[in-house]
């Protein structure tokens, strides 16, 4: 943010994996996980609400 650069982590979905591999000529054995495009910050990010850790995770045993 200090350098006016922002990023956005985008996870890939299996529905587009074949098309992305074909478009970029990627090896079939590669598995797409996500991309992180970055660039100038055009608008500030909206505030993000967080859920308490105890409400998001359960441990057993």
PDB file of N, CA and C in Angstrom:
ATOM      1  N   UNK A   1       0.820  -1.191   0.000  1.00  0.00           N
ATOM      2  CA  UNK A   1       0.000   0.000   0.000  1.00  0.00           C
ATOM      3  C   UNK A   1       0.868   1.260   0.000  1.00  0.00           C
ATOM      4  N   UNK A   2       1.990   1.210   0.712  1.00  0.00           N
ATOM      5  CA  UNK A   2       2.855   2.390   0.756  1.00  0.00           C
ATOM      6  C   UNK A   2       3.389   2.747  -0.624  1.00  0.00           C
ATOM      7  N   UNK A   3       3.600   1.741  -1.474  1.00  0.00           N
ATOM      8  CA  UNK A   3       4.109   1.962  -2.834  1.00  0.00           C
ATOM      9  C   UNK A   3       2.971   2.069  -3.847  1.00  0.00           C
ATOM     10  N   UNK A   4       1.712   2.136  -3.353  1.00  0.00           N
ATOM     11  CA  UNK A   4       0.518   2.202  -4.200  1.00  0.00           C
ATOM     12  C   UNK A   4       0.392   0.979  -5.112  1.00  0.00           C
ATOM     13  N   UNK A   5       0.781  -0.184  -4.569  1.00  0.00           N
ATOM     14  CA  UNK A   5       0.638  -1.450  -5.292  1.00  0.00           C
ATOM     15  C   UNK A   5      -0.268  -2.356  -4.469  1.00  0.00           C
ATOM     16  N   UNK A   6      -1.232  -2.983  -5.115  1.00  0.00           N
ATOM     17  CA  UNK A   6      -2.133  -3.902  -4.446  1.00  0.00           C
ATOM     18  C   UNK A   6      -2.140  -5.247  -5.155  1.00  0.00           C
ATOM     19  N   UNK A   7      -2.608  -6.283  -4.446  1.00  0.00           N
ATOM     20  CA  UNK A   7      -2.702  -7.625  -5.024  1.00  0.00           C
ATOM     21  C   UNK A   7      -4.049  -8.232  -4.674  1.00  0.00           C
ATOM     22  N   UNK A   8      -4.403  -9.283  -5.399  1.00  0.00           N
ATOM     23  CA  UNK A   8      -5.640 -10.009  -5.140  1.00  0.00           C
ATOM     24  C   UNK A   8      -5.383 -11.485  -5.421  1.00  0.00           C
ATOM     25  N   UNK A   9      -5.475 -12.331  -4.401  1.00  0.00           N
ATOM     26  CA  UNK A   9      -5.277 -13.768  -4.584  1.00  0.00           C
ATOM     27  C   UNK A   9      -6.550 -14.378  -5.143  1.00  0.00           C
ATOM     28  N   UNK A  10      -6.452 -14.995  -6.311  1.00  0.00           N
ATOM     29  CA  UNK A  10      -7.591 -15.615  -6.986  1.00  0.00           C
ATOM     30  C   UNK A  10      -7.347 -17.114  -7.095  1.00  0.00           C
ATOM     31  N   UNK A  11      -8.208 -17.919  -6.473  1.00  0.00           N
ATOM     32  CA  UNK A  11      -8.069 -19.372  -6.549  1.00  0.00           C
ATOM     33  C   UNK A  11      -8.696 -19.870  -7.842  1.00  0.00           C
ATOM     34  N   UNK A  12      -8.051 -20.859  -8.469  1.00  0.00           N
ATOM     35  CA  UNK A  12      -8.570 -21.433  -9.701  1.00  0.00           C
ATOM     36  C   UNK A  12      -9.639 -22.467  -9.406  1.00  0.00           C
ATOM     37  N   UNK A  13     -10.547 -22.624 -10.333  1.00  0.00           N
ATOM     38  CA  UNK A  13     -11.597 -23.627 -10.267  1.00  0.00           C
ATOM     39  C   UNK A  13     -11.324 -24.664 -11.345  1.00  0.00           C
ATOM     40  N   UNK A  14     -11.597 -25.931 -11.067  1.00  0.00           N
ATOM     41  CA  UNK A  14     -11.361 -27.013 -12.024  1.00  0.00           C
ATOM     42  C   UNK A  14     -12.084 -26.785 -13.352  1.00  0.00           C
ATOM     43  N   UNK A  15     -13.165 -26.031 -13.328  1.00  0.00           N
ATOM     44  CA  UNK A  15     -13.951 -25.817 -14.546  1.00  0.00           C
ATOM     45  C   UNK A  15     -13.179 -25.050 -15.615  1.00  0.00           C
ATOM     46  N   UNK A  16     -12.195 -24.245 -15.219  1.00  0.00           N
ATOM     47  CA  UNK A  16     -11.440 -23.468 -16.206  1.00  0.00           C
ATOM     48  C   UNK A  16     -10.022 -23.985 -16.412  1.00  0.00           C
ATOM     49  N   UNK A  17      -9.629 -25.018 -15.669  1.00  0.00           N
ATOM     50  CA  UNK A  17      -8.240 -25.481 -15.713  1.00  0.00           C
ATOM     51  C   UNK A  17      -7.807 -25.886 -17.118  1.00  0.00           C
ATOM     52  N   UNK A  18      -8.608 -26.648 -17.829  1.00  0.00           N
ATOM     53  CA  UNK A  18      -8.237 -27.098 -19.179  1.00  0.00           C
ATOM     54  C   UNK A  18      -8.063 -25.913 -20.129  1.00  0.00           C
ATOM     55  N   UNK A  19      -8.950 -24.937 -20.044  1.00  0.00           N
ATOM     56  CA  UNK A  19      -8.865 -23.771 -20.929  1.00  0.00           C
ATOM     57  C   UNK A  19      -7.619 -22.938 -20.631  1.00  0.00           C
ATOM     58  N   UNK A  20      -7.283 -22.780 -19.357  1.00  0.00           N
ATOM     59  CA  UNK A  20      -6.095 -22.012 -18.984  1.00  0.00           C
ATOM     60  C   UNK A  20      -4.836 -22.733 -19.452  1.00  0.00           C
ATOM     61  N   UNK A  21      -4.787 -24.053 -19.255  1.00  0.00           N
ATOM     62  CA  UNK A  21      -3.626 -24.829 -19.708  1.00  0.00           C
ATOM     63  C   UNK A  21      -3.454 -24.719 -21.217  1.00  0.00           C
ATOM     64  N   UNK A  22      -4.549 -24.771 -21.952  1.00  0.00           N
ATOM     65  CA  UNK A  22      -4.478 -24.668 -23.415  1.00  0.00           C
ATOM     66  C   UNK A  22      -4.036 -23.266 -23.843  1.00  0.00           C
ATOM     67  N   UNK A  23      -4.570 -22.242 -23.206  1.00  0.00           N
ATOM     68  CA  UNK A  23      -4.242 -20.860 -23.577  1.00  0.00           C
ATOM     69  C   UNK A  23      -2.774 -20.530 -23.337  1.00  0.00           C
ATOM     70  N   UNK A  24      -2.195 -21.102 -22.290  1.00  0.00           N
ATOM     71  CA  UNK A  24      -0.813 -20.781 -21.925  1.00  0.00           C
ATOM     72  C   UNK A  24       0.148 -21.921 -22.238  1.00  0.00           C
ATOM     73  N   UNK A  25      -0.344 -22.963 -22.923  1.00  0.00           N
ATOM     74  CA  UNK A  25       0.494 -24.100 -23.313  1.00  0.00           C
ATOM     75  C   UNK A  25       1.225 -24.697 -22.104  1.00  0.00           C
ATOM     76  N   UNK A  26       0.476 -24.963 -21.040  1.00  0.00           N
ATOM     77  CA  UNK A  26       1.044 -25.508 -19.813  1.00  0.00           C
ATOM     78  C   UNK A  26       1.051 -27.029 -19.854  1.00  0.00           C
ATOM     79  N   UNK A  27       2.016 -27.672 -19.205  1.00  0.00           N
ATOM     80  CA  UNK A  27       2.058 -29.136 -19.173  1.00  0.00           C
ATOM     81  C   UNK A  27       0.802 -29.717 -18.521  1.00  0.00           C
ATOM     82  N   UNK A  28       0.332 -30.837 -19.046  1.00  0.00           N
ATOM     83  CA  UNK A  28      -0.882 -31.479 -18.535  1.00  0.00           C
ATOM     84  C   UNK A  28      -0.735 -31.894 -17.079  1.00  0.00           C
ATOM     85  N   UNK A  29       0.493 -32.241 -16.656  1.00  0.00           N
ATOM     86  CA  UNK A  29       0.675 -32.714 -15.279  1.00  0.00           C
ATOM     87  C   UNK A  29       0.677 -31.580 -14.246  1.00  0.00           C
ATOM     88  N   UNK A  30       0.715 -30.336 -14.697  1.00  0.00           N
ATOM     89  CA  UNK A  30       0.657 -29.222 -13.762  1.00  0.00           C
ATOM     90  C   UNK A  30      -0.751 -29.098 -13.184  1.00  0.00           C
ATOM     91  N   UNK A  31      -0.845 -28.672 -11.934  1.00  0.00           N
ATOM     92  CA  UNK A  31      -2.126 -28.423 -11.279  1.00  0.00           C
ATOM     93  C   UNK A  31      -2.212 -26.936 -10.957  1.00  0.00           C
ATOM     94  N   UNK A  32      -3.251 -26.301 -11.436  1.00  0.00           N
ATOM     95  CA  UNK A  32      -3.431 -24.873 -11.173  1.00  0.00           C
ATOM     96  C   UNK A  32      -4.036 -24.675  -9.788  1.00  0.00           C
ATOM     97  N   UNK A  33      -3.461 -23.773  -9.019  1.00  0.00           N
ATOM     98  CA  UNK A  33      -3.955 -23.485  -7.674  1.00  0.00           C
ATOM     99  C   UNK A  33      -4.535 -22.082  -7.581  1.00  0.00           C
ATOM    100  N   UNK A  34      -3.856 -21.110  -8.157  1.00  0.00           N
ATOM    101  CA  UNK A  34      -4.339 -19.740  -8.072  1.00  0.00           C
ATOM    102  C   UNK A  34      -3.413 -18.795  -8.806  1.00  0.00           C
ATOM    103  N   UNK A  35      -3.799 -17.545  -8.815  1.00  0.00           N
ATOM    104  CA  UNK A  35      -2.968 -16.497  -9.394  1.00  0.00           C
ATOM    105  C   UNK A  35      -3.032 -15.288  -8.475  1.00  0.00           C
ATOM    106  N   UNK A  36      -2.024 -14.441  -8.556  1.00  0.00           N
ATOM    107  CA  UNK A  36      -1.996 -13.246  -7.729  1.00  0.00           C
ATOM    108  C   UNK A  36      -1.647 -12.046  -8.609  1.00  0.00           C
ATOM    109  N   UNK A  37      -2.665 -11.493  -9.294  1.00  0.00           N
ATOM    110  CA  UNK A  37      -2.400 -10.299 -10.096  1.00  0.00           C
ATOM    111  C   UNK A  37      -2.106  -9.105  -9.183  1.00  0.00           C
ATOM    112  N   UNK A  38      -1.214  -8.243  -9.643  1.00  0.00           N
ATOM    113  CA  UNK A  38      -0.898  -7.050  -8.864  1.00  0.00           C
ATOM    114  C   UNK A  38      -0.801  -5.843  -9.778  1.00  0.00           C
ATOM    115  N   UNK A  39      -0.977  -4.681  -9.191  1.00  0.00           N
ATOM    116  CA  UNK A  39      -0.913  -3.450  -9.963  1.00  0.00           C
ATOM    117  C   UNK A  39      -1.218  -2.261  -9.079  1.00  0.00           C
ATOM    118  N   UNK A  40      -1.490  -1.133  -9.700  1.00  0.00           N
ATOM    119  CA  UNK A  40      -1.760   0.084  -8.939  1.00  0.00           C
ATOM    120  C   UNK A  40      -3.106  -0.031  -8.225  1.00  0.00           C
ATOM    121  N   UNK A  41      -3.216   0.639  -7.102  1.00  0.00           N
ATOM    122  CA  UNK A  41      -4.467   0.650  -6.337  1.00  0.00           C
ATOM    123  C   UNK A  41      -5.357   1.735  -6.932  1.00  0.00           C
ATOM    124  N   UNK A  42      -6.440   1.324  -7.581  1.00  0.00           N
ATOM    125  CA  UNK A  42      -7.357   2.274  -8.216  1.00  0.00           C
ATOM    126  C   UNK A  42      -8.407   2.787  -7.244  1.00  0.00           C
ATOM    127  N   UNK A  43      -8.869   1.924  -6.338  1.00  0.00           N
ATOM    128  CA  UNK A  43      -9.802   2.318  -5.285  1.00  0.00           C
ATOM    129  C   UNK A  43      -9.406   1.581  -4.012  1.00  0.00           C
ATOM    130  N   UNK A  44      -9.588   2.188  -2.854  1.00  0.00           N
ATOM    131  CA  UNK A  44      -9.251   1.504  -1.604  1.00  0.00           C
ATOM    132  C   UNK A  44     -10.121   0.263  -1.410  1.00  0.00           C
ATOM    133  N   UNK A  45      -9.573  -0.727  -0.743  1.00  0.00           N
ATOM    134  CA  UNK A  45     -10.330  -1.945  -0.444  1.00  0.00           C
ATOM    135  C   UNK A  45     -11.416  -1.641   0.579  1.00  0.00           C
ATOM    136  N   UNK A  46     -12.541  -2.343   0.455  1.00  0.00           N
ATOM    137  CA  UNK A  46     -13.602  -2.215   1.443  1.00  0.00           C
ATOM    138  C   UNK A  46     -13.145  -2.851   2.755  1.00  0.00           C
ATOM    139  N   UNK A  47     -13.682  -2.385   3.881  1.00  0.00           N
ATOM    140  CA  UNK A  47     -13.351  -3.033   5.156  1.00  0.00           C
ATOM    141  C   UNK A  47     -13.759  -4.504   5.111  1.00  0.00           C
ATOM    142  N   UNK A  48     -12.972  -5.338   5.752  1.00  0.00           N
ATOM    143  CA  UNK A  48     -13.241  -6.775   5.753  1.00  0.00           C
ATOM    144  C   UNK A  48     -13.685  -7.208   7.141  1.00  0.00           C
ATOM    145  N   UNK A  49     -14.795  -7.941   7.194  1.00  0.00           N
ATOM    146  CA  UNK A  49     -15.287  -8.477   8.459  1.00  0.00           C
ATOM    147  C   UNK A  49     -14.601  -9.813   8.722  1.00  0.00           C
ATOM    148  N   UNK A  50     -14.210 -10.048   9.945  1.00  0.00           N
ATOM    149  CA  UNK A  50     -13.550 -11.291  10.311  1.00  0.00           C
ATOM    150  C   UNK A  50     -14.422 -12.083  11.266  1.00  0.00           C
ATOM    151  N   UNK A  51     -14.418 -13.390  11.091  1.00  0.00           N
ATOM    152  CA  UNK A  51     -15.128 -14.301  11.986  1.00  0.00           C
ATOM    153  C   UNK A  51     -14.116 -14.789  13.015  1.00  0.00           C
ATOM    154  N   UNK A  52     -14.519 -14.828  14.263  1.00  0.00           N
ATOM    155  CA  UNK A  52     -13.627 -15.285  15.327  1.00  0.00           C
ATOM    156  C   UNK A  52     -13.098 -16.684  15.018  1.00  0.00           C
ATOM    157  N   UNK A  53     -11.851 -16.926  15.369  1.00  0.00           N
ATOM    158  CA  UNK A  53     -11.201 -18.209  15.090  1.00  0.00           C
ATOM    159  C   UNK A  53     -11.997 -19.374  15.664  1.00  0.00           C
ATOM    160  N   UNK A  54     -12.501 -19.253  16.879  1.00  0.00           N
ATOM    161  CA  UNK A  54     -13.257 -20.346  17.501  1.00  0.00           C
ATOM    162  C   UNK A  54     -14.518 -20.694  16.722  1.00  0.00           C
ATOM    163  N   UNK A  55     -15.078 -19.750  16.001  1.00  0.00           N
ATOM    164  CA  UNK A  55     -16.279 -20.009  15.204  1.00  0.00           C
ATOM    165  C   UNK A  55     -15.934 -20.614  13.846  1.00  0.00           C
ATOM    166  N   UNK A  56     -14.696 -20.448  13.375  1.00  0.00           N
ATOM    167  CA  UNK A  56     -14.303 -20.943  12.051  1.00  0.00           C
ATOM    168  C   UNK A  56     -13.662 -22.321  12.086  1.00  0.00           C
ATOM    169  N   UNK A  57     -13.033 -22.684  13.182  1.00  0.00           N
ATOM    170  CA  UNK A  57     -12.283 -23.937  13.252  1.00  0.00           C
ATOM    171  C   UNK A  57     -12.753 -24.791  14.412  1.00  0.00           C
ATOM    172  N   UNK A  58     -12.782 -26.085  14.185  1.00  0.00           N
ATOM    173  CA  UNK A  58     -13.111 -27.052  15.231  1.00  0.00           C
ATOM    174  C   UNK A  58     -11.971 -28.051  15.317  1.00  0.00           C
ATOM    175  N   UNK A  59     -11.566 -28.391  16.509  1.00  0.00           N
ATOM    176  CA  UNK A  59     -10.556 -29.428  16.699  1.00  0.00           C
ATOM    177  C   UNK A  59     -11.151 -30.537  17.542  1.00  0.00           C
ATOM    178  N   UNK A  60     -10.752 -31.744  17.243  1.00  0.00           N
ATOM    179  CA  UNK A  60     -11.265 -32.909  17.953  1.00  0.00           C
ATOM    180  C   UNK A  60     -10.090 -33.761  18.409  1.00  0.00           C
ATOM    181  N   UNK A  61     -10.216 -34.309  19.604  1.00  0.00           N
ATOM    182  CA  UNK A  61      -9.199 -35.259  20.060  1.00  0.00           C
ATOM    183  C   UNK A  61      -8.146 -34.727  20.917  1.00  0.00           C
TER     184      UNK A  61
END
